[in-house]
Amino acid sequence: MRKAPSGAGPNMVSGTNLEHARSHNRRAVLETVRLNGQLTRADLARLTALTPQTVSNIAAELLDAGMLLAGEPLREGGRGQPAIPLSLNPDGAYAVGMQLDHQMLVALALDLSGQARFRLELAVDRPTPDEALPLIAGLLQRLRQESGLDWGRLLGLGLVMP
């Protein structure tokens, strides 16, 4: 239990958001695998400074969610279970980026490894906000229909514009 922040009442206790910590740790594991390629759980624990149990739990969640793939067990002559290398599943999740400028609207779908999977462009002529929103929605719908990607695995969408 942590001490209440100053200014809080005498019976107040400051809590922590465990879901935020879990989310952060999942991102740390995914990013470490993305940057380093195939890694074992022991490698992940060492590189992320997370406990082996935490890495094991996160790895199980990410494997179940289809974001990681398990490779063939490694035999290195040691005791116990052989280490299983983990790698990113590029089809485990997708993100969409959209860019709107004065002359062009671009939509791009990226896989979990950061590779572009599908791109659409639409010429525009200085659209007003009232004109731009339907164009964005229409191009996003086209991307969804034409890309063939599993949109149940969409993590998020970003939009940039001047």
C-alpha atoms as a PDB file:
ATOM      1  CA  MET A   1       0.000   0.000   0.000  1.00  0.00           C
ATOM      2  CA  ARG A   2       1.340   3.400  -0.918  1.00  0.00           C
ATOM      3  CA  LYS A   3       0.986   6.552   1.105  1.00  0.00           C
ATOM      4  CA  ALA A   4      -1.764   8.871  -0.076  1.00  0.00           C
ATOM      5  CA  PRO A   5      -0.590  11.843  -2.121  1.00  0.00           C
ATOM      6  CA  SER A   6      -0.319  15.087  -0.213  1.00  0.00           C
ATOM      7  CA  GLY A   7      -3.601  16.937  -0.158  1.00  0.00           C
ATOM      8  CA  ALA A   8      -5.598  13.691  -0.048  1.00  0.00           C
ATOM      9  CA  GLY A   9      -7.828  12.956   2.899  1.00  0.00           C
ATOM     10  CA  PRO A  10      -6.488  11.006   5.903  1.00  0.00           C
ATOM     11  CA  ASN A  11      -8.234   7.785   4.844  1.00  0.00           C
ATOM     12  CA  MET A  12      -7.172   7.959   1.193  1.00  0.00           C
ATOM     13  CA  VAL A  13      -4.795   5.402  -0.306  1.00  0.00           C
ATOM     14  CA  SER A  14      -3.186   5.872  -3.682  1.00  0.00           C
ATOM     15  CA  GLY A  15      -3.615   2.881  -5.963  1.00  0.00           C
ATOM     16  CA  THR A  16      -1.850   1.705  -9.064  1.00  0.00           C
ATOM     17  CA  ASN A  17      -3.434   0.870 -12.336  1.00  0.00           C
ATOM     18  CA  LEU A  18      -2.343  -2.737 -12.846  1.00  0.00           C
ATOM     19  CA  GLU A  19      -3.988  -2.912 -16.271  1.00  0.00           C
ATOM     20  CA  HIS A  20      -1.823   0.023 -17.391  1.00  0.00           C
ATOM     21  CA  ALA A  21       1.285  -1.826 -16.163  1.00  0.00           C
ATOM     22  CA  ARG A  22       0.172  -5.028 -17.928  1.00  0.00           C
ATOM     23  CA  SER A  23      -0.434  -3.128 -21.143  1.00  0.00           C
ATOM     24  CA  HIS A  24       2.968  -1.457 -20.893  1.00  0.00           C
ATOM     25  CA  ASN A  25       4.687  -4.808 -20.254  1.00  0.00           C
ATOM     26  CA  ARG A  26       2.923  -6.420 -23.244  1.00  0.00           C
ATOM     27  CA  ARG A  27       4.110  -3.556 -25.457  1.00  0.00           C
ATOM     28  CA  ALA A  28       7.649  -3.943 -24.066  1.00  0.00           C
ATOM     29  CA  VAL A  29       7.674  -7.654 -24.909  1.00  0.00           C
ATOM     30  CA  LEU A  30       6.266  -7.112 -28.412  1.00  0.00           C
ATOM     31  CA  GLU A  31       8.692  -4.271 -29.131  1.00  0.00           C
ATOM     32  CA  THR A  32      11.654  -6.317 -27.876  1.00  0.00           C
ATOM     33  CA  VAL A  33      10.735  -9.217 -30.159  1.00  0.00           C
ATOM     34  CA  ARG A  34      10.159  -6.811 -33.059  1.00  0.00           C
ATOM     35  CA  LEU A  35      13.577  -5.195 -32.596  1.00  0.00           C
ATOM     36  CA  ASN A  36      15.545  -8.383 -31.913  1.00  0.00           C
ATOM     37  CA  GLY A  37      13.776 -11.060 -33.927  1.00  0.00           C
ATOM     38  CA  GLN A  38      13.324 -14.538 -32.528  1.00  0.00           C
ATOM     39  CA  LEU A  39      13.846 -14.687 -28.737  1.00  0.00           C
ATOM     40  CA  THR A  40      13.258 -17.180 -25.962  1.00  0.00           C
ATOM     41  CA  ARG A  41      11.344 -16.287 -22.806  1.00  0.00           C
ATOM     42  CA  ALA A  42      14.664 -16.175 -20.912  1.00  0.00           C
ATOM     43  CA  ASP A  43      16.044 -13.717 -23.483  1.00  0.00           C
ATOM     44  CA  LEU A  44      12.931 -11.588 -23.098  1.00  0.00           C
ATOM     45  CA  ALA A  45      13.198 -11.546 -19.311  1.00  0.00           C
ATOM     46  CA  ARG A  46      16.813 -10.448 -19.544  1.00  0.00           C
ATOM     47  CA  LEU A  47      16.217  -7.777 -22.198  1.00  0.00           C
ATOM     48  CA  THR A  48      13.057  -6.298 -20.657  1.00  0.00           C
ATOM     49  CA  ALA A  49      14.076  -6.611 -16.975  1.00  0.00           C
ATOM     50  CA  LEU A  50      10.747  -8.342 -16.321  1.00  0.00           C
ATOM     51  CA  THR A  51      10.547 -11.431 -14.147  1.00  0.00           C
ATOM     52  CA  PRO A  52      10.553 -14.790 -15.928  1.00  0.00           C
ATOM     53  CA  GLN A  53       7.030 -15.450 -14.599  1.00  0.00           C
ATOM     54  CA  THR A  54       5.762 -12.131 -15.964  1.00  0.00           C
ATOM     55  CA  VAL A  55       7.343 -12.828 -19.365  1.00  0.00           C
ATOM     56  CA  SER A  56       5.882 -16.330 -19.364  1.00  0.00           C
ATOM     57  CA  ASN A  57       2.385 -14.991 -18.620  1.00  0.00           C
ATOM     58  CA  ILE A  58       2.646 -12.251 -21.250  1.00  0.00           C
ATOM     59  CA  ALA A  59       4.056 -14.658 -23.835  1.00  0.00           C
ATOM     60  CA  ALA A  60       1.133 -17.032 -23.227  1.00  0.00           C
ATOM     61  CA  GLU A  61      -1.354 -14.167 -23.702  1.00  0.00           C
ATOM     62  CA  LEU A  62       0.354 -12.992 -26.896  1.00  0.00           C
ATOM     63  CA  LEU A  63       0.569 -16.532 -28.280  1.00  0.00           C
ATOM     64  CA  ASP A  64      -3.149 -17.069 -27.543  1.00  0.00           C
ATOM     65  CA  ALA A  65      -3.957 -13.730 -29.209  1.00  0.00           C
ATOM     66  CA  GLY A  66      -1.977 -14.748 -32.311  1.00  0.00           C
ATOM     67  CA  MET A  67       0.506 -11.879 -32.024  1.00  0.00           C
ATOM     68  CA  LEU A  68       3.482 -14.173 -31.386  1.00  0.00           C
ATOM     69  CA  LEU A  69       4.474 -17.447 -33.004  1.00  0.00           C
ATOM     70  CA  ALA A  70       6.311 -20.278 -31.252  1.00  0.00           C
ATOM     71  CA  GLY A  71       9.216 -21.852 -33.108  1.00  0.00           C
ATOM     72  CA  GLU A  72      10.716 -25.313 -32.818  1.00  0.00           C
ATOM     73  CA  PRO A  73      12.131 -26.072 -29.345  1.00  0.00           C
ATOM     74  CA  LEU A  74      15.866 -25.465 -29.025  1.00  0.00           C
ATOM     75  CA  ARG A  75      17.984 -28.282 -27.609  1.00  0.00           C
ATOM     76  CA  GLU A  76      21.119 -26.947 -25.978  1.00  0.00           C
ATOM     77  CA  GLY A  77      22.047 -29.921 -23.802  1.00  0.00           C
ATOM     78  CA  GLY A  78      20.739 -28.331 -20.602  1.00  0.00           C
ATOM     79  CA  ARG A  79      18.321 -29.693 -18.062  1.00  0.00           C
ATOM     80  CA  GLY A  80      14.600 -29.111 -18.102  1.00  0.00           C
ATOM     81  CA  GLN A  81      12.349 -28.149 -20.943  1.00  0.00           C
ATOM     82  CA  PRO A  82      13.990 -26.927 -24.147  1.00  0.00           C
ATOM     83  CA  ALA A  83      13.696 -23.200 -24.811  1.00  0.00           C
ATOM     84  CA  ILE A  84      11.061 -22.232 -27.367  1.00  0.00           C
ATOM     85  CA  PRO A  85      11.903 -19.223 -29.540  1.00  0.00           C
ATOM     86  CA  LEU A  86       9.153 -16.666 -30.021  1.00  0.00           C
ATOM     87  CA  SER A  87       8.743 -14.371 -33.014  1.00  0.00           C
ATOM     88  CA  LEU A  88       6.227 -11.797 -34.215  1.00  0.00           C
ATOM     89  CA  ASN A  89       3.286 -13.000 -36.221  1.00  0.00           C
ATOM     90  CA  PRO A  90       2.987 -10.288 -38.902  1.00  0.00           C
ATOM     91  CA  ASP A  91      -0.689 -11.210 -39.350  1.00  0.00           C
ATOM     92  CA  GLY A  92      -1.286 -10.959 -35.602  1.00  0.00           C
ATOM     93  CA  ALA A  93      -2.513  -7.360 -35.810  1.00  0.00           C
ATOM     94  CA  TYR A  94      -2.815  -4.401 -38.148  1.00  0.00           C
ATOM     95  CA  ALA A  95      -2.823  -0.636 -37.961  1.00  0.00           C
ATOM     96  CA  VAL A  96      -4.036   1.923 -40.453  1.00  0.00           C
ATOM     97  CA  GLY A  97      -2.433   5.256 -41.174  1.00  0.00           C
ATOM     98  CA  MET A  98      -4.136   7.966 -43.181  1.00  0.00           C
ATOM     99  CA  GLN A  99      -2.671  11.185 -44.531  1.00  0.00           C
ATOM    100  CA  LEU A 100      -4.752  14.047 -45.842  1.00  0.00           C
ATOM    101  CA  ASP A 101      -3.161  17.017 -47.536  1.00  0.00           C
ATOM    102  CA  HIS A 102      -4.323  19.569 -50.085  1.00  0.00           C
ATOM    103  CA  GLN A 103      -4.069  17.244 -53.084  1.00  0.00           C
ATOM    104  CA  MET A 104      -4.080  13.650 -51.822  1.00  0.00           C
ATOM    105  CA  LEU A 105      -5.707  11.330 -49.305  1.00  0.00           C
ATOM    106  CA  VAL A 106      -3.632   8.208 -48.609  1.00  0.00           C
ATOM    107  CA  ALA A 107      -4.615   5.151 -46.551  1.00  0.00           C
ATOM    108  CA  LEU A 108      -2.017   2.543 -45.603  1.00  0.00           C
ATOM    109  CA  ALA A 109      -2.477  -0.742 -43.735  1.00  0.00           C
ATOM    110  CA  LEU A 110       0.570  -2.005 -41.825  1.00  0.00           C
ATOM    111  CA  ASP A 111       1.069  -5.416 -40.270  1.00  0.00           C
ATOM    112  CA  LEU A 112       2.488  -6.071 -36.806  1.00  0.00           C
ATOM    113  CA  SER A 113       6.040  -6.139 -38.165  1.00  0.00           C
ATOM    114  CA  GLY A 114       5.574  -2.654 -39.664  1.00  0.00           C
ATOM    115  CA  GLN A 115       5.397  -3.789 -43.284  1.00  0.00           C
ATOM    116  CA  ALA A 116       2.931  -2.046 -45.593  1.00  0.00           C
ATOM    117  CA  ARG A 117       0.257  -4.537 -46.633  1.00  0.00           C
ATOM    118  CA  PHE A 118      -2.114  -2.373 -48.648  1.00  0.00           C
ATOM    119  CA  ARG A 119      -2.214   1.204 -49.891  1.00  0.00           C
ATOM    120  CA  LEU A 120      -4.907   3.350 -51.468  1.00  0.00           C
ATOM    121  CA  GLU A 121      -4.707   6.910 -52.750  1.00  0.00           C
ATOM    122  CA  LEU A 122      -7.402   9.377 -53.664  1.00  0.00           C
ATOM    123  CA  ALA A 123      -6.813  12.701 -55.392  1.00  0.00           C
ATOM    124  CA  VAL A 124      -8.512  15.592 -53.590  1.00  0.00           C
ATOM    125  CA  ASP A 125      -8.635  19.327 -54.140  1.00  0.00           C
ATOM    126  CA  ARG A 126      -8.279  21.229 -50.867  1.00  0.00           C
ATOM    127  CA  PRO A 127     -11.255  19.600 -49.124  1.00  0.00           C
ATOM    128  CA  THR A 128     -13.036  21.432 -46.322  1.00  0.00           C
ATOM    129  CA  PRO A 129     -13.619  19.499 -43.087  1.00  0.00           C
ATOM    130  CA  ASP A 130     -17.208  18.805 -44.178  1.00  0.00           C
ATOM    131  CA  GLU A 131     -15.912  17.395 -47.471  1.00  0.00           C
ATOM    132  CA  ALA A 132     -12.935  15.556 -45.961  1.00  0.00           C
ATOM    133  CA  LEU A 133     -14.750  13.406 -43.398  1.00  0.00           C
ATOM    134  CA  PRO A 134     -16.864  11.483 -45.948  1.00  0.00           C
ATOM    135  CA  LEU A 135     -13.774  11.059 -48.159  1.00  0.00           C
ATOM    136  CA  ILE A 136     -11.826   9.609 -45.217  1.00  0.00           C
ATOM    137  CA  ALA A 137     -14.695   7.272 -44.294  1.00  0.00           C
ATOM    138  CA  GLY A 138     -15.080   6.143 -47.915  1.00  0.00           C
ATOM    139  CA  LEU A 139     -11.381   5.441 -48.412  1.00  0.00           C
ATOM    140  CA  LEU A 140     -11.240   3.563 -45.117  1.00  0.00           C
ATOM    141  CA  GLN A 141     -14.222   1.448 -46.217  1.00  0.00           C
ATOM    142  CA  ARG A 142     -12.490   0.712 -49.540  1.00  0.00           C
ATOM    143  CA  LEU A 143      -9.308  -0.267 -47.686  1.00  0.00           C
ATOM    144  CA  ARG A 144     -11.312  -2.596 -45.491  1.00  0.00           C
ATOM    145  CA  GLN A 145     -13.045  -4.232 -48.476  1.00  0.00           C
ATOM    146  CA  GLU A 146     -10.087  -4.461 -50.859  1.00  0.00           C
ATOM    147  CA  SER A 147      -7.206  -5.334 -48.540  1.00  0.00           C
ATOM    148  CA  GLY A 148      -8.416  -8.792 -47.539  1.00  0.00           C
ATOM    149  CA  LEU A 149      -7.026  -8.233 -44.020  1.00  0.00           C
ATOM    150  CA  ASP A 150      -8.744  -9.478 -40.867  1.00  0.00           C
ATOM    151  CA  TRP A 151     -10.210  -6.243 -39.506  1.00  0.00           C
ATOM    152  CA  GLY A 152     -10.994  -7.954 -36.223  1.00  0.00           C
ATOM    153  CA  ARG A 153      -7.227  -7.600 -35.644  1.00  0.00           C
ATOM    154  CA  LEU A 154      -7.151  -3.834 -36.175  1.00  0.00           C
ATOM    155  CA  LEU A 155      -5.240  -2.182 -33.325  1.00  0.00           C
ATOM    156  CA  GLY A 156      -5.804   1.424 -34.269  1.00  0.00           C
ATOM    157  CA  LEU A 157      -5.962   4.164 -36.835  1.00  0.00           C
ATOM    158  CA  GLY A 158      -3.960   7.345 -37.115  1.00  0.00           C
ATOM    159  CA  LEU A 159      -4.696  10.415 -39.211  1.00  0.00           C
ATOM    160  CA  VAL A 160      -2.243  13.167 -40.093  1.00  0.00           C
ATOM    161  CA  MET A 161      -2.998  16.378 -41.904  1.00  0.00           C
ATOM    162  CA  PRO A 162      -1.503  19.849 -42.224  1.00  0.00           C
END
